[in-house]
């Protein structure tokens, strides 16, 4: 569920005018400069923190079984982690 949110973020969209981008911040859509598209919003941060806890927290790793499918899904995020 989290991987598709990172790949196709519902909190980022093209502006209705078609000239720029908008991000969902503080309970509303705000115009964002092209240079600021990589700035992480609260929604994005929550998604990344959930992924962090699923993969790095010992308690979560024991509870959340990593099947081959789940590992494949997580590996799709590599392109966002390496630069």
C-alpha atoms as a PDB file:
ATOM      1  CA  UNK A   1       0.000   0.000   0.000  1.00  0.00           C
ATOM      2  CA  UNK A   2       2.805   2.457   0.770  1.00  0.00           C
ATOM      3  CA  UNK A   3       4.925   1.873  -2.332  1.00  0.00           C
ATOM      4  CA  UNK A   4       2.219   3.026  -4.793  1.00  0.00           C
ATOM      5  CA  UNK A   5       1.740   6.150  -2.655  1.00  0.00           C
ATOM      6  CA  UNK A   6       5.402   7.027  -3.085  1.00  0.00           C
ATOM      7  CA  UNK A   7       5.381   6.268  -6.809  1.00  0.00           C
ATOM      8  CA  UNK A   8       2.132   8.120  -7.606  1.00  0.00           C
ATOM      9  CA  UNK A   9       1.717  10.641  -4.785  1.00  0.00           C
ATOM     10  CA  UNK A  10      -1.859  11.893  -4.448  1.00  0.00           C
ATOM     11  CA  UNK A  11      -0.565  14.966  -2.589  1.00  0.00           C
ATOM     12  CA  UNK A  12       1.144  16.352  -5.716  1.00  0.00           C
ATOM     13  CA  UNK A  13      -0.712  17.442  -8.827  1.00  0.00           C
ATOM     14  CA  UNK A  14      -0.492  19.740 -11.832  1.00  0.00           C
ATOM     15  CA  UNK A  15      -2.026  23.138 -11.229  1.00  0.00           C
ATOM     16  CA  UNK A  16      -5.419  23.629 -12.858  1.00  0.00           C
ATOM     17  CA  UNK A  17      -3.926  26.356 -14.993  1.00  0.00           C
ATOM     18  CA  UNK A  18      -1.409  23.798 -16.267  1.00  0.00           C
ATOM     19  CA  UNK A  19       1.499  26.147 -15.677  1.00  0.00           C
ATOM     20  CA  UNK A  20       2.894  24.705 -12.460  1.00  0.00           C
ATOM     21  CA  UNK A  21       2.520  22.257  -9.626  1.00  0.00           C
ATOM     22  CA  UNK A  22       0.509  22.072  -6.420  1.00  0.00           C
ATOM     23  CA  UNK A  23       1.102  20.124  -3.222  1.00  0.00           C
ATOM     24  CA  UNK A  24      -1.384  19.323  -0.496  1.00  0.00           C
ATOM     25  CA  UNK A  25      -0.142  21.142   2.617  1.00  0.00           C
ATOM     26  CA  UNK A  26      -1.910  22.455   5.702  1.00  0.00           C
ATOM     27  CA  UNK A  27      -5.352  21.160   4.643  1.00  0.00           C
ATOM     28  CA  UNK A  28      -5.267  22.704   1.196  1.00  0.00           C
ATOM     29  CA  UNK A  29      -3.587  22.781  -2.188  1.00  0.00           C
ATOM     30  CA  UNK A  30      -0.680  25.239  -2.431  1.00  0.00           C
ATOM     31  CA  UNK A  31       1.217  26.358  -5.520  1.00  0.00           C
ATOM     32  CA  UNK A  32       4.792  25.075  -5.442  1.00  0.00           C
ATOM     33  CA  UNK A  33       7.737  26.313  -7.448  1.00  0.00           C
ATOM     34  CA  UNK A  34       9.334  23.715  -9.697  1.00  0.00           C
ATOM     35  CA  UNK A  35      12.533  23.933  -7.614  1.00  0.00           C
ATOM     36  CA  UNK A  36      10.559  23.033  -4.459  1.00  0.00           C
ATOM     37  CA  UNK A  37       8.918  19.870  -5.811  1.00  0.00           C
ATOM     38  CA  UNK A  38      11.415  17.707  -3.914  1.00  0.00           C
ATOM     39  CA  UNK A  39      10.653  19.364  -0.571  1.00  0.00           C
ATOM     40  CA  UNK A  40       8.963  16.735   1.599  1.00  0.00           C
ATOM     41  CA  UNK A  41       5.513  17.598   2.944  1.00  0.00           C
ATOM     42  CA  UNK A  42       3.940  16.140   6.095  1.00  0.00           C
ATOM     43  CA  UNK A  43       1.950  13.603   4.070  1.00  0.00           C
ATOM     44  CA  UNK A  44       5.067  12.392   2.290  1.00  0.00           C
ATOM     45  CA  UNK A  45       7.022  12.265   5.534  1.00  0.00           C
ATOM     46  CA  UNK A  46       4.380  10.075   7.188  1.00  0.00           C
ATOM     47  CA  UNK A  47       4.598   7.605   4.326  1.00  0.00           C
ATOM     48  CA  UNK A  48       8.403   7.461   4.497  1.00  0.00           C
ATOM     49  CA  UNK A  49       8.356   7.124   8.301  1.00  0.00           C
ATOM     50  CA  UNK A  50       5.933   4.194   8.048  1.00  0.00           C
ATOM     51  CA  UNK A  51       8.248   2.523   5.537  1.00  0.00           C
ATOM     52  CA  UNK A  52      11.213   3.179   7.791  1.00  0.00           C
ATOM     53  CA  UNK A  53       9.514   1.542  10.764  1.00  0.00           C
ATOM     54  CA  UNK A  54       8.373  -1.449   8.704  1.00  0.00           C
ATOM     55  CA  UNK A  55      11.889  -2.106   7.505  1.00  0.00           C
ATOM     56  CA  UNK A  56      14.082  -0.997  10.410  1.00  0.00           C
ATOM     57  CA  UNK A  57      12.101  -1.543  13.603  1.00  0.00           C
ATOM     58  CA  UNK A  58      12.778  -4.951  15.132  1.00  0.00           C
ATOM     59  CA  UNK A  59       9.212  -5.266  16.453  1.00  0.00           C
ATOM     60  CA  UNK A  60       7.675  -4.385  13.078  1.00  0.00           C
ATOM     61  CA  UNK A  61       9.950  -6.773  11.199  1.00  0.00           C
ATOM     62  CA  UNK A  62       8.862  -9.644  13.461  1.00  0.00           C
ATOM     63  CA  UNK A  63       5.170  -8.815  13.042  1.00  0.00           C
ATOM     64  CA  UNK A  64       5.238  -7.930   9.341  1.00  0.00           C
ATOM     65  CA  UNK A  65       6.348 -10.986   7.402  1.00  0.00           C
ATOM     66  CA  UNK A  66       8.515 -10.183   4.397  1.00  0.00           C
ATOM     67  CA  UNK A  67       7.347 -12.421   1.594  1.00  0.00           C
ATOM     68  CA  UNK A  68       8.975 -12.399  -1.830  1.00  0.00           C
ATOM     69  CA  UNK A  69       6.182 -10.139  -3.123  1.00  0.00           C
ATOM     70  CA  UNK A  70       6.637  -7.618  -0.306  1.00  0.00           C
ATOM     71  CA  UNK A  71      10.386  -7.534  -0.857  1.00  0.00           C
ATOM     72  CA  UNK A  72       9.844  -6.865  -4.567  1.00  0.00           C
ATOM     73  CA  UNK A  73       7.505  -4.010  -3.716  1.00  0.00           C
ATOM     74  CA  UNK A  74      10.025  -2.441  -1.347  1.00  0.00           C
ATOM     75  CA  UNK A  75      12.825  -2.804  -3.878  1.00  0.00           C
ATOM     76  CA  UNK A  76      10.836  -0.592  -6.256  1.00  0.00           C
ATOM     77  CA  UNK A  77      11.695   2.300  -3.912  1.00  0.00           C
ATOM     78  CA  UNK A  78      15.443   2.066  -4.552  1.00  0.00           C
ATOM     79  CA  UNK A  79      15.234   4.699  -7.273  1.00  0.00           C
ATOM     80  CA  UNK A  80      14.013   7.216  -4.680  1.00  0.00           C
ATOM     81  CA  UNK A  81      16.739   6.399  -2.170  1.00  0.00           C
ATOM     82  CA  UNK A  82      19.857   6.545  -4.328  1.00  0.00           C
ATOM     83  CA  UNK A  83      20.846   9.595  -6.176  1.00  0.00           C
END
